[in-house]
C-alpha atoms as a PDB file:
ATOM      1  CA  MET A   1     105.300  33.451  84.558  1.00  0.00           C
ATOM      2  CA  SER A   2     105.349  31.791  81.133  1.00  0.00           C
ATOM      3  CA  SER A   3     108.793  31.697  79.471  1.00  0.00           C
ATOM      4  CA  LEU A   4     106.997  32.855  76.314  1.00  0.00           C
ATOM      5  CA  HIS A   5     105.996  36.092  78.039  1.00  0.00           C
ATOM      6  CA  ARG A   6     108.819  38.641  78.030  1.00  0.00           C
ATOM      7  CA  PRO A   7     107.714  41.546  80.253  1.00  0.00           C
ATOM      8  CA  HIS A   8     108.731  45.150  79.693  1.00  0.00           C
ATOM      9  CA  GLY A   9     112.436  45.569  80.462  1.00  0.00           C
ATOM     10  CA  SER A  10     113.398  41.912  80.143  1.00  0.00           C
ATOM     11  CA  LEU A  11     114.612  42.380  76.539  1.00  0.00           C
ATOM     12  CA  ARG A  12     116.270  45.768  77.087  1.00  0.00           C
ATOM     13  CA  ASP A  13     119.760  46.366  75.756  1.00  0.00           C
ATOM     14  CA  SER A  14     121.223  49.638  77.018  1.00  0.00           C
ATOM     15  CA  VAL A  15     118.922  52.431  75.763  1.00  0.00           C
ATOM     16  CA  ASP A  16     116.976  50.156  73.411  1.00  0.00           C
ATOM     17  CA  PRO A  17     113.728  48.726  74.852  1.00  0.00           C
ATOM     18  CA  ILE A  18     113.792  45.448  72.887  1.00  0.00           C
ATOM     19  CA  VAL A  19     116.486  43.342  71.259  1.00  0.00           C
ATOM     20  CA  LEU A  20     115.068  39.917  70.385  1.00  0.00           C
ATOM     21  CA  SER A  21     116.784  37.594  67.914  1.00  0.00           C
ATOM     22  CA  PRO A  22     115.417  34.251  66.685  1.00  0.00           C
ATOM     23  CA  ASP A  23     118.057  32.548  68.828  1.00  0.00           C
ATOM     24  CA  ASP A  24     116.806  34.459  71.897  1.00  0.00           C
ATOM     25  CA  ALA A  25     113.264  33.331  71.083  1.00  0.00           C
ATOM     26  CA  GLY A  26     114.323  29.708  70.595  1.00  0.00           C
ATOM     27  CA  TRP A  27     113.281  29.469  66.971  1.00  0.00           C
ATOM     28  CA  THR A  28     114.639  30.133  63.463  1.00  0.00           C
ATOM     29  CA  TYR A  29     113.209  33.109  61.580  1.00  0.00           C
ATOM     30  CA  THR A  30     111.405  35.873  63.455  1.00  0.00           C
ATOM     31  CA  GLY A  31     112.955  38.723  65.453  1.00  0.00           C
ATOM     32  CA  LEU A  32     112.242  42.226  66.725  1.00  0.00           C
ATOM     33  CA  ARG A  33     114.243  45.268  67.760  1.00  0.00           C
ATOM     34  CA  VAL A  34     112.836  48.473  69.219  1.00  0.00           C
ATOM     35  CA  LEU A  35     115.338  51.326  69.155  1.00  0.00           C
ATOM     36  CA  HIS A  36     115.308  54.579  71.089  1.00  0.00           C
ATOM     37  CA  LEU A  37     117.141  57.512  69.513  1.00  0.00           C
ATOM     38  CA  GLY A  38     117.405  60.900  71.180  1.00  0.00           C
ATOM     39  CA  ALA A  39     117.030  64.244  69.421  1.00  0.00           C
ATOM     40  CA  GLY A  40     119.750  64.728  66.828  1.00  0.00           C
ATOM     41  CA  GLU A  41     120.983  61.141  67.120  1.00  0.00           C
ATOM     42  CA  THR A  42     122.025  58.865  64.260  1.00  0.00           C
ATOM     43  CA  ARG A  43     122.324  55.092  64.495  1.00  0.00           C
ATOM     44  CA  VAL A  44     123.674  52.595  61.962  1.00  0.00           C
ATOM     45  CA  VAL A  45     122.045  49.148  62.079  1.00  0.00           C
ATOM     46  CA  HIS A  46     123.644  46.212  60.242  1.00  0.00           C
ATOM     47  CA  THR A  47     120.908  43.840  59.106  1.00  0.00           C
ATOM     48  CA  ASP A  48     123.240  40.877  58.432  1.00  0.00           C
ATOM     49  CA  GLU A  49     121.035  37.901  57.432  1.00  0.00           C
ATOM     50  CA  PHE A  50     117.762  39.678  58.254  1.00  0.00           C
ATOM     51  CA  GLU A  51     115.308  41.762  56.243  1.00  0.00           C
ATOM     52  CA  ALA A  52     113.323  44.313  58.250  1.00  0.00           C
ATOM     53  CA  PHE A  53     110.748  47.060  58.284  1.00  0.00           C
ATOM     54  CA  VAL A  54     111.637  50.432  59.805  1.00  0.00           C
ATOM     55  CA  LEU A  55     108.360  51.289  61.557  1.00  0.00           C
ATOM     56  CA  PRO A  56     108.097  54.427  63.717  1.00  0.00           C
ATOM     57  CA  LEU A  57     106.236  53.953  66.993  1.00  0.00           C
ATOM     58  CA  ALA A  58     106.666  57.573  68.139  1.00  0.00           C
ATOM     59  CA  GLY A  59     108.533  60.253  66.199  1.00  0.00           C
ATOM     60  CA  SER A  60     109.959  60.674  62.703  1.00  0.00           C
ATOM     61  CA  CYS A  61     113.257  59.800  61.057  1.00  0.00           C
ATOM     62  CA  THR A  62     115.369  59.697  57.922  1.00  0.00           C
ATOM     63  CA  VAL A  63     116.467  56.285  56.638  1.00  0.00           C
ATOM     64  CA  ARG A  64     119.503  55.925  54.386  1.00  0.00           C
ATOM     65  CA  VAL A  65     120.409  52.565  52.856  1.00  0.00           C
ATOM     66  CA  ASP A  66     122.103  51.415  49.636  1.00  0.00           C
ATOM     67  CA  GLY A  67     122.474  55.021  48.498  1.00  0.00           C
ATOM     68  CA  LEU A  68     118.748  55.743  48.889  1.00  0.00           C
ATOM     69  CA  GLU A  69     117.135  58.144  51.367  1.00  0.00           C
ATOM     70  CA  PHE A  70     113.600  57.913  52.770  1.00  0.00           C
ATOM     71  CA  GLU A  71     111.946  60.612  54.887  1.00  0.00           C
ATOM     72  CA  ILE A  72     109.627  58.825  57.324  1.00  0.00           C
ATOM     73  CA  THR A  73     106.943  61.157  58.702  1.00  0.00           C
ATOM     74  CA  GLY A  74     106.012  58.797  61.525  1.00  0.00           C
ATOM     75  CA  ARG A  75     103.460  59.632  64.218  1.00  0.00           C
ATOM     76  CA  GLU A  76     102.980  60.892  67.750  1.00  0.00           C
ATOM     77  CA  THR A  77     102.120  57.416  69.115  1.00  0.00           C
ATOM     78  CA  VAL A  78     100.811  54.121  67.750  1.00  0.00           C
ATOM     79  CA  PHE A  79      97.326  55.258  68.810  1.00  0.00           C
ATOM     80  CA  SER A  80      97.425  58.541  66.857  1.00  0.00           C
ATOM     81  CA  ARG A  81      97.680  57.490  63.183  1.00  0.00           C
ATOM     82  CA  ILE A  82      98.807  54.939  60.634  1.00  0.00           C
ATOM     83  CA  THR A  83     102.464  55.531  59.811  1.00  0.00           C
ATOM     84  CA  ASP A  84     104.631  55.342  56.740  1.00  0.00           C
ATOM     85  CA  PHE A  85     107.596  52.970  56.877  1.00  0.00           C
ATOM     86  CA  ALA A  86     110.550  51.556  54.982  1.00  0.00           C
ATOM     87  CA  TYR A  87     111.624  48.068  53.963  1.00  0.00           C
ATOM     88  CA  VAL A  88     115.359  47.354  54.269  1.00  0.00           C
ATOM     89  CA  PRO A  89     117.133  44.247  52.930  1.00  0.00           C
ATOM     90  CA  ARG A  90     119.544  41.787  54.457  1.00  0.00           C
ATOM     91  CA  ASP A  91     123.297  42.495  54.315  1.00  0.00           C
ATOM     92  CA  ALA A  92     122.756  46.244  54.581  1.00  0.00           C
ATOM     93  CA  ALA A  93     124.050  49.117  56.688  1.00  0.00           C
ATOM     94  CA  VAL A  94     120.935  51.114  57.568  1.00  0.00           C
ATOM     95  CA  GLU A  95     121.417  54.652  58.871  1.00  0.00           C
ATOM     96  CA  ILE A  96     118.544  56.002  60.965  1.00  0.00           C
ATOM     97  CA  SER A  97     118.678  59.647  62.029  1.00  0.00           C
ATOM     98  CA  THR A  98     116.141  61.812  63.823  1.00  0.00           C
ATOM     99  CA  ALA A  99     115.853  65.526  64.505  1.00  0.00           C
ATOM    100  CA  HIS A 100     113.509  65.340  67.495  1.00  0.00           C
ATOM    101  CA  GLY A 101     113.896  61.785  68.792  1.00  0.00           C
ATOM    102  CA  ILE A 102     112.183  58.531  67.874  1.00  0.00           C
ATOM    103  CA  GLU A 103     111.136  55.128  69.145  1.00  0.00           C
ATOM    104  CA  VAL A 104     111.213  52.830  66.141  1.00  0.00           C
ATOM    105  CA  ALA A 105     110.420  49.129  65.697  1.00  0.00           C
ATOM    106  CA  LEU A 106     112.411  46.863  63.411  1.00  0.00           C
ATOM    107  CA  PRO A 107     110.327  43.707  62.880  1.00  0.00           C
ATOM    108  CA  MET A 108     112.669  41.317  61.083  1.00  0.00           C
ATOM    109  CA  ALA A 109     113.046  37.879  59.565  1.00  0.00           C
ATOM    110  CA  ARG A 110     116.023  35.713  58.667  1.00  0.00           C
ATOM    111  CA  CYS A 111     115.913  35.332  54.879  1.00  0.00           C
ATOM    112  CA  THR A 112     117.942  34.248  51.857  1.00  0.00           C
ATOM    113  CA  ARG A 113     117.009  36.672  49.052  1.00  0.00           C
ATOM    114  CA  ARG A 114     118.345  40.213  49.059  1.00  0.00           C
ATOM    115  CA  LEU A 115     115.758  42.667  47.735  1.00  0.00           C
ATOM    116  CA  THR A 116     116.040  46.427  47.186  1.00  0.00           C
ATOM    117  CA  PRO A 117     115.061  49.005  49.841  1.00  0.00           C
ATOM    118  CA  LYS A 118     111.569  50.444  49.427  1.00  0.00           C
ATOM    119  CA  TYR A 119     109.377  53.158  50.962  1.00  0.00           C
ATOM    120  CA  GLY A 120     105.826  52.417  52.166  1.00  0.00           C
ATOM    121  CA  PRO A 121     103.448  55.432  52.167  1.00  0.00           C
ATOM    122  CA  ALA A 122     100.940  55.618  55.026  1.00  0.00           C
ATOM    123  CA  GLU A 123      98.065  56.409  52.666  1.00  0.00           C
ATOM    124  CA  ARG A 124      98.523  53.043  50.929  1.00  0.00           C
ATOM    125  CA  VAL A 125      98.211  50.979  54.115  1.00  0.00           C
ATOM    126  CA  PRO A 126      94.822  49.185  54.065  1.00  0.00           C
ATOM    127  CA  VAL A 127      92.867  49.591  57.294  1.00  0.00           C
ATOM    128  CA  GLU A 128      90.490  46.701  57.945  1.00  0.00           C
ATOM    129  CA  VAL A 129      87.707  46.550  60.522  1.00  0.00           C
ATOM    130  CA  ARG A 130      87.554  42.912  61.582  1.00  0.00           C
ATOM    131  CA  GLY A 131      84.942  41.133  63.693  1.00  0.00           C
ATOM    132  CA  ALA A 132      81.780  42.597  65.226  1.00  0.00           C
ATOM    133  CA  GLY A 133      80.270  43.494  68.577  1.00  0.00           C
ATOM    134  CA  PRO A 134      82.819  43.199  71.406  1.00  0.00           C
ATOM    135  CA  ALA A 135      85.210  41.351  69.045  1.00  0.00           C
ATOM    136  CA  THR A 136      85.584  44.395  66.738  1.00  0.00           C
ATOM    137  CA  ARG A 137      89.152  45.558  66.109  1.00  0.00           C
ATOM    138  CA  GLN A 138      91.229  47.428  63.547  1.00  0.00           C
ATOM    139  CA  VAL A 139      93.982  45.839  61.464  1.00  0.00           C
ATOM    140  CA  ALA A 140      96.563  47.924  59.594  1.00  0.00           C
ATOM    141  CA  ASN A 141      97.868  45.511  56.966  1.00  0.00           C
ATOM    142  CA  PHE A 142     101.050  47.383  56.097  1.00  0.00           C
ATOM    143  CA  GLY A 143     103.362  44.398  55.601  1.00  0.00           C
ATOM    144  CA  VAL A 144     101.247  41.353  54.754  1.00  0.00           C
ATOM    145  CA  PRO A 145     101.182  39.159  51.611  1.00  0.00           C
ATOM    146  CA  GLY A 146      98.930  40.543  48.914  1.00  0.00           C
ATOM    147  CA  VAL A 147      99.403  44.095  50.198  1.00  0.00           C
ATOM    148  CA  TRP A 148     103.170  44.277  50.565  1.00  0.00           C
ATOM    149  CA  ASP A 149     104.835  41.637  48.412  1.00  0.00           C
ATOM    150  CA  HIS A 150     108.319  43.182  48.510  1.00  0.00           C
ATOM    151  CA  ALA A 151     109.763  40.775  51.082  1.00  0.00           C
ATOM    152  CA  ASP A 152     111.298  37.310  51.167  1.00  0.00           C
ATOM    153  CA  LYS A 153     110.081  35.911  54.516  1.00  0.00           C
ATOM    154  CA  LEU A 154     108.837  38.807  56.638  1.00  0.00           C
ATOM    155  CA  SER A 155     105.186  39.641  57.309  1.00  0.00           C
ATOM    156  CA  ALA A 156     103.878  42.193  59.804  1.00  0.00           C
ATOM    157  CA  CYS A 157     100.692  44.056  60.705  1.00  0.00           C
ATOM    158  CA  GLU A 158      99.357  46.321  63.455  1.00  0.00           C
ATOM    159  CA  LEU A 159      96.228  45.727  65.559  1.00  0.00           C
ATOM    160  CA  LEU A 160      94.262  48.322  67.502  1.00  0.00           C
ATOM    161  CA  THR A 161      91.610  47.102  69.924  1.00  0.00           C
ATOM    162  CA  PRO A 162      89.166  49.536  71.594  1.00  0.00           C
ATOM    163  CA  ASP A 163      89.108  49.331  75.369  1.00  0.00           C
ATOM    164  CA  GLY A 164      86.905  46.495  76.570  1.00  0.00           C
ATOM    165  CA  ASN A 165      87.057  44.592  73.276  1.00  0.00           C
ATOM    166  CA  TRP A 166      88.587  41.247  72.274  1.00  0.00           C
ATOM    167  CA  SER A 167      90.914  40.624  69.311  1.00  0.00           C
ATOM    168  CA  SER A 168      92.869  37.659  67.914  1.00  0.00           C
ATOM    169  CA  TYR A 169      89.574  35.836  68.299  1.00  0.00           C
ATOM    170  CA  PRO A 170      88.521  33.104  67.690  1.00  0.00           C
ATOM    171  CA  PRO A 171      91.788  31.487  68.779  1.00  0.00           C
ATOM    172  CA  HIS A 172      93.766  30.288  65.774  1.00  0.00           C
ATOM    173  CA  LYS A 173      97.050  28.575  64.948  1.00  0.00           C
ATOM    174  CA  HIS A 174      99.629  28.296  62.174  1.00  0.00           C
ATOM    175  CA  ASP A 175     102.053  25.583  63.222  1.00  0.00           C
ATOM    176  CA  SER A 176     101.677  22.843  60.580  1.00  0.00           C
ATOM    177  CA  ALA A 177     101.793  22.749  56.800  1.00  0.00           C
ATOM    178  CA  SER A 178      98.560  21.786  55.023  1.00  0.00           C
ATOM    179  CA  GLU A 179      96.276  23.086  52.299  1.00  0.00           C
ATOM    180  CA  HIS A 180      94.635  25.338  54.914  1.00  0.00           C
ATOM    181  CA  GLU A 181      97.566  26.323  57.134  1.00  0.00           C
ATOM    182  CA  VAL A 182     101.238  27.298  57.015  1.00  0.00           C
ATOM    183  CA  VAL A 183     103.960  27.340  59.659  1.00  0.00           C
ATOM    184  CA  ASN A 184     104.754  30.771  61.093  1.00  0.00           C
ATOM    185  CA  GLU A 185     106.624  31.867  64.197  1.00  0.00           C
ATOM    186  CA  GLU A 186     104.852  34.917  65.629  1.00  0.00           C
ATOM    187  CA  ILE A 187     105.735  37.783  67.939  1.00  0.00           C
ATOM    188  CA  TYR A 188     103.161  39.933  69.729  1.00  0.00           C
ATOM    189  CA  TYR A 189     104.537  43.315  70.840  1.00  0.00           C
ATOM    190  CA  PHE A 190     102.037  45.164  73.038  1.00  0.00           C
ATOM    191  CA  ARG A 191     101.467  48.865  73.711  1.00  0.00           C
ATOM    192  CA  ILE A 192      98.683  49.896  76.084  1.00  0.00           C
ATOM    193  CA  ALA A 193      97.203  53.415  76.066  1.00  0.00           C
ATOM    194  CA  GLY A 194      96.545  55.388  79.211  1.00  0.00           C
ATOM    195  CA  PRO A 195      93.338  57.246  80.099  1.00  0.00           C
ATOM    196  CA  ASP A 196      93.706  59.730  77.213  1.00  0.00           C
ATOM    197  CA  GLY A 197      93.672  56.847  74.699  1.00  0.00           C
ATOM    198  CA  ILE A 198      96.750  58.212  72.919  1.00  0.00           C
ATOM    199  CA  ARG A 199      99.857  58.065  75.093  1.00  0.00           C
ATOM    200  CA  PRO A 200     101.076  54.623  76.206  1.00  0.00           C
ATOM    201  CA  SER A 201     101.055  54.005  79.938  1.00  0.00           C
ATOM    202  CA  ARG A 202     102.256  51.266  82.268  1.00  0.00           C
ATOM    203  CA  ASN A 203      99.105  51.782  84.344  1.00  0.00           C
ATOM    204  CA  GLY A 204      96.925  49.991  81.802  1.00  0.00           C
ATOM    205  CA  PHE A 205      96.809  46.284  81.056  1.00  0.00           C
ATOM    206  CA  GLY A 206      95.269  43.582  78.913  1.00  0.00           C
ATOM    207  CA  LEU A 207      95.112  39.803  78.724  1.00  0.00           C
ATOM    208  CA  HIS A 208      96.578  37.291  76.271  1.00  0.00           C
ATOM    209  CA  ARG A 209      96.079  33.525  75.894  1.00  0.00           C
ATOM    210  CA  THR A 210      98.138  30.906  74.003  1.00  0.00           C
ATOM    211  CA  TYR A 211      97.567  27.145  74.328  1.00  0.00           C
ATOM    212  CA  THR A 212      98.030  23.826  72.538  1.00  0.00           C
ATOM    213  CA  ALA A 213      95.686  20.882  72.174  1.00  0.00           C
ATOM    214  CA  ASP A 214      98.243  18.610  73.852  1.00  0.00           C
ATOM    215  CA  GLY A 215      98.561  20.879  76.880  1.00  0.00           C
ATOM    216  CA  GLY A 216     102.246  21.567  76.243  1.00  0.00           C
ATOM    217  CA  ILE A 217     101.499  25.289  76.280  1.00  0.00           C
ATOM    218  CA  ASP A 218      98.737  26.756  78.450  1.00  0.00           C
ATOM    219  CA  ALA A 219      99.454  30.415  79.097  1.00  0.00           C
ATOM    220  CA  ASP A 220      97.045  33.069  80.350  1.00  0.00           C
ATOM    221  CA  VAL A 221      99.018  36.233  81.022  1.00  0.00           C
ATOM    222  CA  THR A 222      98.466  39.857  81.953  1.00  0.00           C
ATOM    223  CA  VAL A 223     100.228  42.079  79.425  1.00  0.00           C
ATOM    224  CA  ARG A 224     101.256  45.683  79.966  1.00  0.00           C
ATOM    225  CA  ASP A 225     102.779  48.391  77.829  1.00  0.00           C
ATOM    226  CA  GLY A 226     106.036  47.219  76.232  1.00  0.00           C
ATOM    227  CA  ASP A 227     105.535  43.479  76.840  1.00  0.00           C
ATOM    228  CA  VAL A 228     106.311  40.812  74.246  1.00  0.00           C
ATOM    229  CA  PHE A 229     104.708  37.388  73.859  1.00  0.00           C
ATOM    230  CA  LEU A 230     106.206  34.617  71.695  1.00  0.00           C
ATOM    231  CA  VAL A 231     104.007  32.124  69.846  1.00  0.00           C
ATOM    232  CA  PRO A 232     106.085  29.149  68.651  1.00  0.00           C
ATOM    233  CA  ARG A 233     103.028  26.945  68.121  1.00  0.00           C
ATOM    234  CA  GLY A 234      99.476  26.401  69.235  1.00  0.00           C
ATOM    235  CA  TYR A 235      96.266  28.406  69.327  1.00  0.00           C
ATOM    236  CA  HIS A 236      96.617  32.051  70.299  1.00  0.00           C
ATOM    237  CA  GLY A 237      93.892  34.436  71.316  1.00  0.00           C
ATOM    238  CA  PRO A 238      92.106  36.213  72.601  1.00  0.00           C
ATOM    239  CA  CYS A 239      93.895  39.450  73.351  1.00  0.00           C
ATOM    240  CA  VAL A 240      91.594  41.441  75.629  1.00  0.00           C
ATOM    241  CA  ALA A 241      91.850  45.190  76.197  1.00  0.00           C
ATOM    242  CA  ALA A 242      90.807  46.093  79.729  1.00  0.00           C
ATOM    243  CA  PRO A 243      88.040  48.708  80.002  1.00  0.00           C
ATOM    244  CA  GLY A 244      89.605  52.163  79.865  1.00  0.00           C
ATOM    245  CA  TYR A 245      92.817  51.001  78.163  1.00  0.00           C
ATOM    246  CA  PRO A 246      92.944  50.611  74.358  1.00  0.00           C
ATOM    247  CA  MET A 247      95.406  47.969  73.176  1.00  0.00           C
ATOM    248  CA  TYR A 248      97.904  47.978  70.293  1.00  0.00           C
ATOM    249  CA  TYR A 249     100.046  45.112  69.173  1.00  0.00           C
ATOM    250  CA  LEU A 250     102.523  44.586  66.391  1.00  0.00           C
ATOM    251  CA  ASN A 251     102.428  41.085  64.910  1.00  0.00           C
ATOM    252  CA  VAL A 252     105.657  39.832  63.328  1.00  0.00           C
ATOM    253  CA  LEU A 253     105.556  36.542  61.409  1.00  0.00           C
ATOM    254  CA  ALA A 254     107.939  34.417  59.355  1.00  0.00           C
ATOM    255  CA  GLY A 255     108.354  30.737  58.625  1.00  0.00           C
ATOM    256  CA  PRO A 256     109.982  28.066  56.469  1.00  0.00           C
ATOM    257  CA  GLY A 257     107.437  28.022  53.638  1.00  0.00           C
ATOM    258  CA  PRO A 258     108.673  28.832  50.121  1.00  0.00           C
ATOM    259  CA  GLU A 259     106.128  31.675  49.879  1.00  0.00           C
ATOM    260  CA  ARG A 260     104.904  34.174  52.467  1.00  0.00           C
ATOM    261  CA  SER A 261     101.436  33.308  53.756  1.00  0.00           C
ATOM    262  CA  LEU A 262      99.258  34.022  56.787  1.00  0.00           C
ATOM    263  CA  ALA A 263      97.009  30.966  56.354  1.00  0.00           C
ATOM    264  CA  PHE A 264      95.709  29.702  59.704  1.00  0.00           C
ATOM    265  CA  CYS A 265      93.165  27.366  61.305  1.00  0.00           C
ATOM    266  CA  ASP A 266      90.669  28.346  63.986  1.00  0.00           C
ATOM    267  CA  ASP A 267      90.271  26.266  67.122  1.00  0.00           C
ATOM    268  CA  PRO A 268      87.304  24.064  66.081  1.00  0.00           C
ATOM    269  CA  ALA A 269      85.728  24.541  69.504  1.00  0.00           C
ATOM    270  CA  HIS A 270      85.332  28.267  68.883  1.00  0.00           C
ATOM    271  CA  ALA A 271      85.167  28.645  65.104  1.00  0.00           C
ATOM    272  CA  TRP A 272      81.371  29.019  65.246  1.00  0.00           C
ATOM    273  CA  VAL A 273      81.819  32.489  66.721  1.00  0.00           C
ATOM    274  CA  ARG A 274      82.624  33.944  63.279  1.00  0.00           C
ATOM    275  CA  ALA A 275      79.097  33.165  62.033  1.00  0.00           C
ATOM    276  CA  ARG A 276      77.660  35.133  64.969  1.00  0.00           C
ATOM    277  CA  TRP A 277      79.317  38.297  63.619  1.00  0.00           C
ATOM    278  CA  ASP A 278      76.803  38.348  60.767  1.00  0.00           C
ATOM    279  CA  GLU A 279      74.126  39.060  63.373  1.00  0.00           C
ATOM    280  CA  GLN A 280      76.085  41.762  65.199  1.00  0.00           C
ATOM    281  CA  THR A 281      76.959  45.376  64.445  1.00  0.00           C
ATOM    282  CA  PRO A 282      80.637  46.342  64.316  1.00  0.00           C
ATOM    283  CA  ASP A 283      81.776  48.547  67.163  1.00  0.00           C
ATOM    284  CA  PRO A 284      81.453  52.148  65.848  1.00  0.00           C
ATOM    285  CA  ARG A 285      84.767  53.040  67.514  1.00  0.00           C
ATOM    286  CA  CYS A 286      86.507  51.214  64.670  1.00  0.00           C
ATOM    287  CA  PRO A 287      88.376  52.236  62.660  1.00  0.00           C
ATOM    288  CA  MET A 288      90.246  54.082  65.382  1.00  0.00           C
ATOM    289  CA  THR A 289      92.917  55.658  63.148  1.00  0.00           C
ATOM    290  CA  SER A 290      93.829  56.322  59.536  1.00  0.00           C
ATOM    291  CA  HIS A 291      96.809  57.835  57.722  1.00  0.00           C
ATOM    292  CA  GLU A 292      95.197  61.200  58.399  1.00  0.00           C
ATOM    293  CA  GLY A 293      95.054  60.685  62.157  1.00  0.00           C
ATOM    294  CA  ARG A 294      92.571  59.553  64.777  1.00  0.00           C
ATOM    295  CA  VAL A 295      89.033  58.820  63.625  1.00  0.00           C
ATOM    296  CA  GLU A 296      86.530  60.559  65.899  1.00  0.00           C
END
């Protein structure tokens, strides 16, 4: 097993499915927490030197921070709709409370500037259909530069891949600074739907690949619901959703650059694939969701 692959359960801390700091990952900026709160529960999270998004995976919550209160409608599962969210700054005490229970992700980044808390409405999240043919997927760009600029270091987005399709393809990297590329540490957090296409299930699976030109990293792994994969450098992709099992992943990125950017370079051996998309029809199953719910 690759040390970059953190299977479901390996990052658990008590009732919380994932607690991953930059130190745990072996890098500097990017982290992720996934919290589980039962019905009627309230939790206070101290952000310390990290900014974060409060992103419901399943359920709804109220977020209180710096004297502000945000009602987060949330969603049934990550496969049911695009969710609203909140941005919370570093050096804050963030109170999260829920009436009916929630599983909530806190993608985070170590940062220096302290910004104000802010609410992100679901209806303002751009939903992009990327690729074509079997490489068609949906991207919900809720926390990326140019869409959400209220952050110091943190970028995040959500990917939905129909069963049988490929995403994060062609393979690409962002591990050196140039006019075409920036340095970003990246986390992939996977959820895999079961046969109903809505509720996550450990029965399903997908595939993920990360590799470097020098051979220092060469990982081909099977990923299941709740797994995490760390990308410190190198080309990453594809992520393949097995037939019958739609795939979701949350991408969390941050790096040392003075400005947030997602600039990347394709693997030259596979970059030609993008031109082929002009000759192909996008998979009609995409988009799969919107802020209004599932797209049928």
